[in-house]
Amino acid sequence: MLDPVTLPELAQILGFLGNEQRLNILRAIIQNEKFAREISEEVGISRPLVNIYLKQLEKAGLVTGTNRVAEEPPYLRRYYRAMPFELVVNLDVLTKTGDV
């Protein structure tokens, strides 16, 4: 579960997840893991941008990546899968988050 402790952390998480392209990437890898080119073709975003977003999502713990050897080029591919998470935002969360 994403658990922001401060208002800036909450704002950062909401801003990060508020990006439609990132959400489309997450949606593309919920059921089946895919590598960047497959995701790029499915969501209509350039491969370099997909790679940037995947690294950000992986760093945030929302995506996990696994390297695999393929039978055709590119021989080394990194497959990504969305990780389960829950984010609850309500007035209680706003009350609990401090400015620390």
PDB file of N, CA and C in Angstrom:
ATOM      1  N   MET A   1       0.839  -1.183   0.000  1.00  0.00           N
ATOM      2  CA  MET A   1       0.000   0.000   0.000  1.00  0.00           C
ATOM      3  C   MET A   1       0.878   1.239   0.000  1.00  0.00           C
ATOM      4  N   LEU A   2       0.523   2.205  -0.775  1.00  0.00           N
ATOM      5  CA  LEU A   2       1.213   3.483  -0.739  1.00  0.00           C
ATOM      6  C   LEU A   2       0.756   4.199   0.522  1.00  0.00           C
ATOM      7  N   ASP A   3       1.701   4.667   1.298  1.00  0.00           N
ATOM      8  CA  ASP A   3       1.341   5.255   2.580  1.00  0.00           C
ATOM      9  C   ASP A   3       2.058   6.582   2.781  1.00  0.00           C
ATOM     10  N   PRO A   4       1.537   7.661   2.186  1.00  0.00           N
ATOM     11  CA  PRO A   4       2.180   8.962   2.367  1.00  0.00           C
ATOM     12  C   PRO A   4       2.047   9.435   3.806  1.00  0.00           C
ATOM     13  N   VAL A   5       3.132  10.013   4.324  1.00  0.00           N
ATOM     14  CA  VAL A   5       3.143  10.484   5.704  1.00  0.00           C
ATOM     15  C   VAL A   5       2.965  11.993   5.771  1.00  0.00           C
ATOM     16  N   THR A   6       3.420  12.697   4.748  1.00  0.00           N
ATOM     17  CA  THR A   6       3.327  14.152   4.740  1.00  0.00           C
ATOM     18  C   THR A   6       2.495  14.617   3.555  1.00  0.00           C
ATOM     19  N   LEU A   7       2.037  15.850   3.632  1.00  0.00           N
ATOM     20  CA  LEU A   7       1.277  16.412   2.515  1.00  0.00           C
ATOM     21  C   LEU A   7       2.114  16.458   1.235  1.00  0.00           C
ATOM     22  N   PRO A   8       3.402  16.849   1.305  1.00  0.00           N
ATOM     23  CA  PRO A   8       4.199  16.817   0.072  1.00  0.00           C
ATOM     24  C   PRO A   8       4.314  15.408  -0.517  1.00  0.00           C
ATOM     25  N   GLU A   9       4.436  14.375   0.332  1.00  0.00           N
ATOM     26  CA  GLU A   9       4.494  12.996  -0.173  1.00  0.00           C
ATOM     27  C   GLU A   9       3.179  12.618  -0.846  1.00  0.00           C
ATOM     28  N   LEU A  10       2.060  12.998  -0.230  1.00  0.00           N
ATOM     29  CA  LEU A  10       0.753  12.707  -0.809  1.00  0.00           C
ATOM     30  C   LEU A  10       0.605  13.409  -2.159  1.00  0.00           C
ATOM     31  N   ALA A  11       0.998  14.679  -2.208  1.00  0.00           N
ATOM     32  CA  ALA A  11       0.913  15.430  -3.459  1.00  0.00           C
ATOM     33  C   ALA A  11       1.791  14.802  -4.532  1.00  0.00           C
ATOM     34  N   GLN A  12       2.970  14.323  -4.158  1.00  0.00           N
ATOM     35  CA  GLN A  12       3.880  13.697  -5.116  1.00  0.00           C
ATOM     36  C   GLN A  12       3.267  12.407  -5.680  1.00  0.00           C
ATOM     37  N   ILE A  13       2.707  11.580  -4.809  1.00  0.00           N
ATOM     38  CA  ILE A  13       2.090  10.326  -5.256  1.00  0.00           C
ATOM     39  C   ILE A  13       0.894  10.605  -6.165  1.00  0.00           C
ATOM     40  N   LEU A  14       0.057  11.552  -5.764  1.00  0.00           N
ATOM     41  CA  LEU A  14      -1.114  11.869  -6.581  1.00  0.00           C
ATOM     42  C   LEU A  14      -0.699  12.452  -7.928  1.00  0.00           C
ATOM     43  N   GLY A  15       0.327  13.295  -7.932  1.00  0.00           N
ATOM     44  CA  GLY A  15       0.833  13.843  -9.188  1.00  0.00           C
ATOM     45  C   GLY A  15       1.407  12.763 -10.081  1.00  0.00           C
ATOM     46  N   PHE A  16       2.134  11.843  -9.483  1.00  0.00           N
ATOM     47  CA  PHE A  16       2.753  10.749 -10.226  1.00  0.00           C
ATOM     48  C   PHE A  16       1.681   9.867 -10.852  1.00  0.00           C
ATOM     49  N   LEU A  17       0.682   9.494 -10.080  1.00  0.00           N
ATOM     50  CA  LEU A  17      -0.396   8.635 -10.581  1.00  0.00           C
ATOM     51  C   LEU A  17      -1.423   9.409 -11.405  1.00  0.00           C
ATOM     52  N   GLY A  18      -1.344  10.736 -11.359  1.00  0.00           N
ATOM     53  CA  GLY A  18      -2.273  11.566 -12.120  1.00  0.00           C
ATOM     54  C   GLY A  18      -1.889  11.706 -13.584  1.00  0.00           C
ATOM     55  N   ASN A  19      -0.810  11.048 -13.989  1.00  0.00           N
ATOM     56  CA  ASN A  19      -0.354  11.101 -15.373  1.00  0.00           C
ATOM     57  C   ASN A  19      -1.029   9.985 -16.168  1.00  0.00           C
ATOM     58  N   GLU A  20      -1.794  10.353 -17.168  1.00  0.00           N
ATOM     59  CA  GLU A  20      -2.564   9.374 -17.942  1.00  0.00           C
ATOM     60  C   GLU A  20      -1.667   8.354 -18.642  1.00  0.00           C
ATOM     61  N   GLN A  21      -0.507   8.778 -19.122  1.00  0.00           N
ATOM     62  CA  GLN A  21       0.398   7.846 -19.801  1.00  0.00           C
ATOM     63  C   GLN A  21       0.935   6.796 -18.833  1.00  0.00           C
ATOM     64  N   ARG A  22       1.304   7.200 -17.619  1.00  0.00           N
ATOM     65  CA  ARG A  22       1.764   6.229 -16.626  1.00  0.00           C
ATOM     66  C   ARG A  22       0.656   5.239 -16.275  1.00  0.00           C
ATOM     67  N   LEU A  23      -0.564   5.749 -16.130  1.00  0.00           N
ATOM     68  CA  LEU A  23      -1.695   4.868 -15.825  1.00  0.00           C
ATOM     69  C   LEU A  23      -1.963   3.894 -16.969  1.00  0.00           C
ATOM     70  N   ASN A  24      -1.812   4.342 -18.217  1.00  0.00           N
ATOM     71  CA  ASN A  24      -1.983   3.440 -19.354  1.00  0.00           C
ATOM     72  C   ASN A  24      -0.923   2.345 -19.357  1.00  0.00           C
ATOM     73  N   ILE A  25       0.289   2.690 -18.974  1.00  0.00           N
ATOM     74  CA  ILE A  25       1.354   1.691 -18.879  1.00  0.00           C
ATOM     75  C   ILE A  25       1.006   0.673 -17.800  1.00  0.00           C
ATOM     76  N   LEU A  26       0.585   1.147 -16.637  1.00  0.00           N
ATOM     77  CA  LEU A  26       0.184   0.223 -15.568  1.00  0.00           C
ATOM     78  C   LEU A  26      -0.941  -0.700 -16.029  1.00  0.00           C
ATOM     79  N   ARG A  27      -1.917  -0.120 -16.698  1.00  0.00           N
ATOM     80  CA  ARG A  27      -3.052  -0.916 -17.172  1.00  0.00           C
ATOM     81  C   ARG A  27      -2.602  -1.983 -18.178  1.00  0.00           C
ATOM     82  N   ALA A  28      -1.606  -1.652 -18.995  1.00  0.00           N
ATOM     83  CA  ALA A  28      -1.125  -2.585 -20.020  1.00  0.00           C
ATOM     84  C   ALA A  28      -0.428  -3.800 -19.424  1.00  0.00           C
ATOM     85  N   ILE A  29       0.076  -3.673 -18.190  1.00  0.00           N
ATOM     86  CA  ILE A  29       0.846  -4.777 -17.603  1.00  0.00           C
ATOM     87  C   ILE A  29       0.198  -5.351 -16.343  1.00  0.00           C
ATOM     88  N   ILE A  30      -1.068  -5.124 -16.176  1.00  0.00           N
ATOM     89  CA  ILE A  30      -1.775  -5.689 -15.021  1.00  0.00           C
ATOM     90  C   ILE A  30      -1.940  -7.198 -15.169  1.00  0.00           C
ATOM     91  N   GLN A  31      -2.416  -7.636 -16.309  1.00  0.00           N
ATOM     92  CA  GLN A  31      -2.712  -9.058 -16.507  1.00  0.00           C
ATOM     93  C   GLN A  31      -1.498  -9.860 -16.944  1.00  0.00           C
ATOM     94  N   ASN A  32      -0.725  -9.309 -17.874  1.00  0.00           N
ATOM     95  CA  ASN A  32       0.408 -10.033 -18.446  1.00  0.00           C
ATOM     96  C   ASN A  32       1.647  -9.159 -18.459  1.00  0.00           C
ATOM     97  N   GLU A  33       2.777  -9.754 -18.134  1.00  0.00           N
ATOM     98  CA  GLU A  33       4.012  -8.990 -18.202  1.00  0.00           C
ATOM     99  C   GLU A  33       4.400  -8.777 -19.652  1.00  0.00           C
ATOM    100  N   LYS A  34       5.037  -7.630 -19.909  1.00  0.00           N
ATOM    101  CA  LYS A  34       5.425  -7.261 -21.267  1.00  0.00           C
ATOM    102  C   LYS A  34       6.753  -6.535 -21.211  1.00  0.00           C
ATOM    103  N   PHE A  35       7.447  -6.479 -22.357  1.00  0.00           N
ATOM    104  CA  PHE A  35       8.663  -5.684 -22.401  1.00  0.00           C
ATOM    105  C   PHE A  35       8.346  -4.338 -23.048  1.00  0.00           C
ATOM    106  N   ALA A  36       9.283  -3.410 -22.955  1.00  0.00           N
ATOM    107  CA  ALA A  36       9.025  -2.007 -23.294  1.00  0.00           C
ATOM    108  C   ALA A  36       8.453  -1.816 -24.698  1.00  0.00           C
ATOM    109  N   ARG A  37       8.979  -2.540 -25.689  1.00  0.00           N
ATOM    110  CA  ARG A  37       8.480  -2.346 -27.054  1.00  0.00           C
ATOM    111  C   ARG A  37       7.002  -2.727 -27.160  1.00  0.00           C
ATOM    112  N   GLU A  38       6.619  -3.822 -26.513  1.00  0.00           N
ATOM    113  CA  GLU A  38       5.208  -4.238 -26.541  1.00  0.00           C
ATOM    114  C   GLU A  38       4.324  -3.183 -25.883  1.00  0.00           C
ATOM    115  N   ILE A  39       4.787  -2.663 -24.757  1.00  0.00           N
ATOM    116  CA  ILE A  39       4.017  -1.633 -24.046  1.00  0.00           C
ATOM    117  C   ILE A  39       3.908  -0.385 -24.908  1.00  0.00           C
ATOM    118  N   SER A  40       5.020   0.016 -25.506  1.00  0.00           N
ATOM    119  CA  SER A  40       5.056   1.199 -26.357  1.00  0.00           C
ATOM    120  C   SER A  40       4.046   1.096 -27.495  1.00  0.00           C
ATOM    121  N   GLU A  41       4.028  -0.048 -28.162  1.00  0.00           N
ATOM    122  CA  GLU A  41       3.099  -0.253 -29.273  1.00  0.00           C
ATOM    123  C   GLU A  41       1.650  -0.274 -28.799  1.00  0.00           C
ATOM    124  N   GLU A  42       1.418  -0.862 -27.642  1.00  0.00           N
ATOM    125  CA  GLU A  42       0.041  -0.975 -27.137  1.00  0.00           C
ATOM    126  C   GLU A  42      -0.538   0.369 -26.705  1.00  0.00           C
ATOM    127  N   VAL A  43       0.265   1.188 -26.020  1.00  0.00           N
ATOM    128  CA  VAL A  43      -0.269   2.440 -25.474  1.00  0.00           C
ATOM    129  C   VAL A  43       0.017   3.651 -26.368  1.00  0.00           C
ATOM    130  N   GLY A  44       0.822   3.461 -27.424  1.00  0.00           N
ATOM    131  CA  GLY A  44       1.072   4.552 -28.361  1.00  0.00           C
ATOM    132  C   GLY A  44       1.990   5.633 -27.829  1.00  0.00           C
ATOM    133  N   ILE A  45       2.976   5.234 -27.053  1.00  0.00           N
ATOM    134  CA  ILE A  45       3.970   6.159 -26.502  1.00  0.00           C
ATOM    135  C   ILE A  45       5.331   5.698 -26.998  1.00  0.00           C
ATOM    136  N   SER A  46       6.240   6.633 -27.234  1.00  0.00           N
ATOM    137  CA  SER A  46       7.569   6.260 -27.723  1.00  0.00           C
ATOM    138  C   SER A  46       8.277   5.340 -26.731  1.00  0.00           C
ATOM    139  N   ARG A  47       9.120   4.471 -27.257  1.00  0.00           N
ATOM    140  CA  ARG A  47       9.864   3.534 -26.407  1.00  0.00           C
ATOM    141  C   ARG A  47      10.739   4.239 -25.375  1.00  0.00           C
ATOM    142  N   PRO A  48      11.464   5.309 -25.764  1.00  0.00           N
ATOM    143  CA  PRO A  48      12.276   5.985 -24.744  1.00  0.00           C
ATOM    144  C   PRO A  48      11.441   6.521 -23.578  1.00  0.00           C
ATOM    145  N   LEU A  49      10.261   7.077 -23.884  1.00  0.00           N
ATOM    146  CA  LEU A  49       9.404   7.596 -22.815  1.00  0.00           C
ATOM    147  C   LEU A  49       8.838   6.456 -21.973  1.00  0.00           C
ATOM    148  N   VAL A  50       8.464   5.354 -22.604  1.00  0.00           N
ATOM    149  CA  VAL A  50       7.991   4.186 -21.861  1.00  0.00           C
ATOM    150  C   VAL A  50       9.084   3.702 -20.912  1.00  0.00           C
ATOM    151  N   ASN A  51      10.316   3.643 -21.393  1.00  0.00           N
ATOM    152  CA  ASN A  51      11.429   3.211 -20.536  1.00  0.00           C
ATOM    153  C   ASN A  51      11.620   4.140 -19.344  1.00  0.00           C
ATOM    154  N   ILE A  52      11.510   5.438 -19.570  1.00  0.00           N
ATOM    155  CA  ILE A  52      11.627   6.407 -18.468  1.00  0.00           C
ATOM    156  C   ILE A  52      10.531   6.160 -17.444  1.00  0.00           C
ATOM    157  N   TYR A  53       9.294   6.044 -17.923  1.00  0.00           N
ATOM    158  CA  TYR A  53       8.171   5.833 -17.014  1.00  0.00           C
ATOM    159  C   TYR A  53       8.280   4.497 -16.277  1.00  0.00           C
ATOM    160  N   LEU A  54       8.727   3.456 -16.970  1.00  0.00           N
ATOM    161  CA  LEU A  54       8.886   2.152 -16.317  1.00  0.00           C
ATOM    162  C   LEU A  54       9.919   2.220 -15.202  1.00  0.00           C
ATOM    163  N   LYS A  55      11.010   2.921 -15.428  1.00  0.00           N
ATOM    164  CA  LYS A  55      12.026   3.075 -14.374  1.00  0.00           C
ATOM    165  C   LYS A  55      11.447   3.834 -13.179  1.00  0.00           C
ATOM    166  N   GLN A  56      10.664   4.871 -13.458  1.00  0.00           N
ATOM    167  CA  GLN A  56      10.033   5.627 -12.373  1.00  0.00           C
ATOM    168  C   GLN A  56       9.037   4.758 -11.610  1.00  0.00           C
ATOM    169  N   LEU A  57       8.224   4.012 -12.331  1.00  0.00           N
ATOM    170  CA  LEU A  57       7.237   3.136 -11.697  1.00  0.00           C
ATOM    171  C   LEU A  57       7.914   2.042 -10.891  1.00  0.00           C
ATOM    172  N   GLU A  58       9.021   1.525 -11.413  1.00  0.00           N
ATOM    173  CA  GLU A  58       9.757   0.483 -10.698  1.00  0.00           C
ATOM    174  C   GLU A  58      10.381   1.049  -9.418  1.00  0.00           C
ATOM    175  N   LYS A  59      10.935   2.231  -9.512  1.00  0.00           N
ATOM    176  CA  LYS A  59      11.533   2.875  -8.332  1.00  0.00           C
ATOM    177  C   LYS A  59      10.479   3.148  -7.258  1.00  0.00           C
ATOM    178  N   ALA A  60       9.264   3.461  -7.693  1.00  0.00           N
ATOM    179  CA  ALA A  60       8.163   3.727  -6.763  1.00  0.00           C
ATOM    180  C   ALA A  60       7.561   2.446  -6.198  1.00  0.00           C
ATOM    181  N   GLY A  61       7.983   1.288  -6.707  1.00  0.00           N
ATOM    182  CA  GLY A  61       7.465   0.018  -6.221  1.00  0.00           C
ATOM    183  C   GLY A  61       6.133  -0.395  -6.832  1.00  0.00           C
ATOM    184  N   LEU A  62       5.733   0.280  -7.899  1.00  0.00           N
ATOM    185  CA  LEU A  62       4.454  -0.022  -8.539  1.00  0.00           C
ATOM    186  C   LEU A  62       4.591  -1.048  -9.654  1.00  0.00           C
ATOM    187  N   VAL A  63       5.832  -1.297 -10.064  1.00  0.00           N
ATOM    188  CA  VAL A  63       6.128  -2.216 -11.161  1.00  0.00           C
ATOM    189  C   VAL A  63       7.356  -3.019 -10.778  1.00  0.00           C
ATOM    190  N   THR A  64       7.404  -4.261 -11.217  1.00  0.00           N
ATOM    191  CA  THR A  64       8.614  -5.064 -11.032  1.00  0.00           C
ATOM    192  C   THR A  64       9.090  -5.511 -12.411  1.00  0.00           C
ATOM    193  N   GLY A  65      10.408  -5.545 -12.573  1.00  0.00           N
ATOM    194  CA  GLY A  65      10.988  -5.943 -13.850  1.00  0.00           C
ATOM    195  C   GLY A  65      11.879  -7.162 -13.695  1.00  0.00           C
ATOM    196  N   THR A  66      11.870  -8.019 -14.715  1.00  0.00           N
ATOM    197  CA  THR A  66      12.679  -9.238 -14.725  1.00  0.00           C
ATOM    198  C   THR A  66      13.378  -9.346 -16.072  1.00  0.00           C
ATOM    199  N   ASN A  67      14.701  -9.550 -16.043  1.00  0.00           N
ATOM    200  CA  ASN A  67      15.454  -9.738 -17.284  1.00  0.00           C
ATOM    201  C   ASN A  67      15.311 -11.165 -17.765  1.00  0.00           C
ATOM    202  N   ARG A  68      15.112 -11.317 -19.079  1.00  0.00           N
ATOM    203  CA  ARG A  68      15.006 -12.636 -19.687  1.00  0.00           C
ATOM    204  C   ARG A  68      15.753 -12.651 -21.010  1.00  0.00           C
ATOM    205  N   VAL A  69      16.288 -13.806 -21.359  1.00  0.00           N
ATOM    206  CA  VAL A  69      16.946 -13.991 -22.642  1.00  0.00           C
ATOM    207  C   VAL A  69      15.904 -14.465 -23.647  1.00  0.00           C
ATOM    208  N   ALA A  70      15.878 -13.806 -24.817  1.00  0.00           N
ATOM    209  CA  ALA A  70      14.928 -14.147 -25.870  1.00  0.00           C
ATOM    210  C   ALA A  70      15.649 -14.883 -26.999  1.00  0.00           C
ATOM    211  N   GLU A  71      14.883 -15.538 -27.847  1.00  0.00           N
ATOM    212  CA  GLU A  71      15.455 -16.293 -28.955  1.00  0.00           C
ATOM    213  C   GLU A  71      15.764 -15.409 -30.163  1.00  0.00           C
ATOM    214  N   GLU A  72      15.198 -14.216 -30.199  1.00  0.00           N
ATOM    215  CA  GLU A  72      15.468 -13.289 -31.297  1.00  0.00           C
ATOM    216  C   GLU A  72      15.777 -11.914 -30.734  1.00  0.00           C
ATOM    217  N   PRO A  73      16.430 -11.065 -31.526  1.00  0.00           N
ATOM    218  CA  PRO A  73      16.837  -9.740 -31.026  1.00  0.00           C
ATOM    219  C   PRO A  73      15.630  -8.914 -30.597  1.00  0.00           C
ATOM    220  N   PRO A  74      15.758  -8.089 -29.613  1.00  0.00           N
ATOM    221  CA  PRO A  74      16.910  -8.003 -28.708  1.00  0.00           C
ATOM    222  C   PRO A  74      16.948  -9.237 -27.804  1.00  0.00           C
ATOM    223  N   TYR A  75      18.113  -9.781 -27.630  1.00  0.00           N
ATOM    224  CA  TYR A  75      18.245 -11.050 -26.907  1.00  0.00           C
ATOM    225  C   TYR A  75      17.999 -10.919 -25.413  1.00  0.00           C
ATOM    226  N   LEU A  76      18.343  -9.779 -24.852  1.00  0.00           N
ATOM    227  CA  LEU A  76      18.065  -9.559 -23.433  1.00  0.00           C
ATOM    228  C   LEU A  76      16.917  -8.570 -23.330  1.00  0.00           C
ATOM    229  N   ARG A  77      15.827  -9.017 -22.747  1.00  0.00           N
ATOM    230  CA  ARG A  77      14.639  -8.162 -22.594  1.00  0.00           C
ATOM    231  C   ARG A  77      14.274  -8.075 -21.120  1.00  0.00           C
ATOM    232  N   ARG A  78      13.781  -6.921 -20.744  1.00  0.00           N
ATOM    233  CA  ARG A  78      13.298  -6.731 -19.376  1.00  0.00           C
ATOM    234  C   ARG A  78      11.775  -6.709 -19.440  1.00  0.00           C
ATOM    235  N   TYR A  79      11.173  -7.683 -18.802  1.00  0.00           N
ATOM    236  CA  TYR A  79       9.714  -7.786 -18.757  1.00  0.00           C
ATOM    237  C   TYR A  79       9.200  -7.119 -17.495  1.00  0.00           C
ATOM    238  N   TYR A  80       8.085  -6.415 -17.629  1.00  0.00           N
ATOM    239  CA  TYR A  80       7.520  -5.664 -16.515  1.00  0.00           C
ATOM    240  C   TYR A  80       6.120  -6.153 -16.192  1.00  0.00           C
ATOM    241  N   ARG A  81       5.802  -6.111 -14.901  1.00  0.00           N
ATOM    242  CA  ARG A  81       4.473  -6.473 -14.411  1.00  0.00           C
ATOM    243  C   ARG A  81       4.091  -5.475 -13.316  1.00  0.00           C
ATOM    244  N   ALA A  82       2.829  -5.067 -13.313  1.00  0.00           N
ATOM    245  CA  ALA A  82       2.327  -4.154 -12.283  1.00  0.00           C
ATOM    246  C   ALA A  82       2.227  -4.899 -10.953  1.00  0.00           C
ATOM    247  N   MET A  83       2.606  -4.227  -9.888  1.00  0.00           N
ATOM    248  CA  MET A  83       2.503  -4.782  -8.538  1.00  0.00           C
ATOM    249  C   MET A  83       1.198  -4.289  -7.902  1.00  0.00           C
ATOM    250  N   PRO A  84       0.526  -5.156  -7.152  1.00  0.00           N
ATOM    251  CA  PRO A  84      -0.704  -4.723  -6.485  1.00  0.00           C
ATOM    252  C   PRO A  84      -0.413  -3.584  -5.496  1.00  0.00           C
ATOM    253  N   PHE A  85      -1.281  -2.603  -5.481  1.00  0.00           N
ATOM    254  CA  PHE A  85      -1.157  -1.525  -4.505  1.00  0.00           C
ATOM    255  C   PHE A  85      -2.533  -0.941  -4.245  1.00  0.00           C
ATOM    256  N   GLU A  86      -2.606  -0.227  -3.160  1.00  0.00           N
ATOM    257  CA  GLU A  86      -3.852   0.442  -2.798  1.00  0.00           C
ATOM    258  C   GLU A  86      -3.495   1.826  -2.274  1.00  0.00           C
ATOM    259  N   LEU A  87      -4.236   2.807  -2.713  1.00  0.00           N
ATOM    260  CA  LEU A  87      -4.040   4.168  -2.235  1.00  0.00           C
ATOM    261  C   LEU A  87      -5.407   4.695  -1.822  1.00  0.00           C
ATOM    262  N   VAL A  88      -5.531   5.007  -0.542  1.00  0.00           N
ATOM    263  CA  VAL A  88      -6.785   5.545  -0.021  1.00  0.00           C
ATOM    264  C   VAL A  88      -6.554   7.012   0.308  1.00  0.00           C
ATOM    265  N   VAL A  89      -7.388   7.854  -0.256  1.00  0.00           N
ATOM    266  CA  VAL A  89      -7.302   9.283   0.027  1.00  0.00           C
ATOM    267  C   VAL A  89      -8.677   9.740   0.483  1.00  0.00           C
ATOM    268  N   ASN A  90      -8.733  10.209   1.704  1.00  0.00           N
ATOM    269  CA  ASN A  90      -9.965  10.764   2.238  1.00  0.00           C
ATOM    270  C   ASN A  90      -9.587  11.832   3.260  1.00  0.00           C
ATOM    271  N   LEU A  91     -10.541  12.400   3.919  1.00  0.00           N
ATOM    272  CA  LEU A  91     -10.239  13.473   4.868  1.00  0.00           C
ATOM    273  C   LEU A  91      -9.384  12.989   6.033  1.00  0.00           C
ATOM    274  N   ASP A  92      -9.540  11.717   6.432  1.00  0.00           N
ATOM    275  CA  ASP A  92      -8.701  11.169   7.501  1.00  0.00           C
ATOM    276  C   ASP A  92      -7.227  11.183   7.100  1.00  0.00           C
ATOM    277  N   VAL A  93      -6.949  10.815   5.860  1.00  0.00           N
ATOM    278  CA  VAL A  93      -5.570  10.822   5.378  1.00  0.00           C
ATOM    279  C   VAL A  93      -5.023  12.247   5.404  1.00  0.00           C
ATOM    280  N   LEU A  94      -5.818  13.193   4.965  1.00  0.00           N
ATOM    281  CA  LEU A  94      -5.366  14.593   4.977  1.00  0.00           C
ATOM    282  C   LEU A  94      -5.130  15.089   6.395  1.00  0.00           C
ATOM    283  N   THR A  95      -5.951  14.649   7.328  1.00  0.00           N
ATOM    284  CA  THR A  95      -5.788  15.062   8.722  1.00  0.00           C
ATOM    285  C   THR A  95      -4.517  14.463   9.323  1.00  0.00           C
ATOM    286  N   LYS A  96      -4.209  13.218   8.992  1.00  0.00           N
ATOM    287  CA  LYS A  96      -3.046  12.529   9.562  1.00  0.00           C
ATOM    288  C   LYS A  96      -1.723  13.007   8.992  1.00  0.00           C
ATOM    289  N   THR A  97      -1.718  13.431   7.732  1.00  0.00           N
ATOM    290  CA  THR A  97      -0.467  13.853   7.115  1.00  0.00           C
ATOM    291  C   THR A  97      -0.067  15.206   7.649  1.00  0.00           C
ATOM    292  N   GLY A  98       1.165  15.274   8.110  1.00  0.00           N
ATOM    293  CA  GLY A  98       1.696  16.539   8.618  1.00  0.00           C
ATOM    294  C   GLY A  98       2.536  17.200   7.562  1.00  0.00           C
ATOM    295  N   ASP A  99       3.118  18.320   7.907  1.00  0.00           N
ATOM    296  CA  ASP A  99       3.975  19.044   6.971  1.00  0.00           C
ATOM    297  C   ASP A  99       5.446  18.695   7.151  1.00  0.00           C
ATOM    298  N   VAL A 100       5.710  17.633   7.899  1.00  0.00           N
ATOM    299  CA  VAL A 100       7.101  17.251   8.194  1.00  0.00           C
ATOM    300  C   VAL A 100       7.806  16.776   6.953  1.00  0.00           C
TER     301      VAL A 100
END
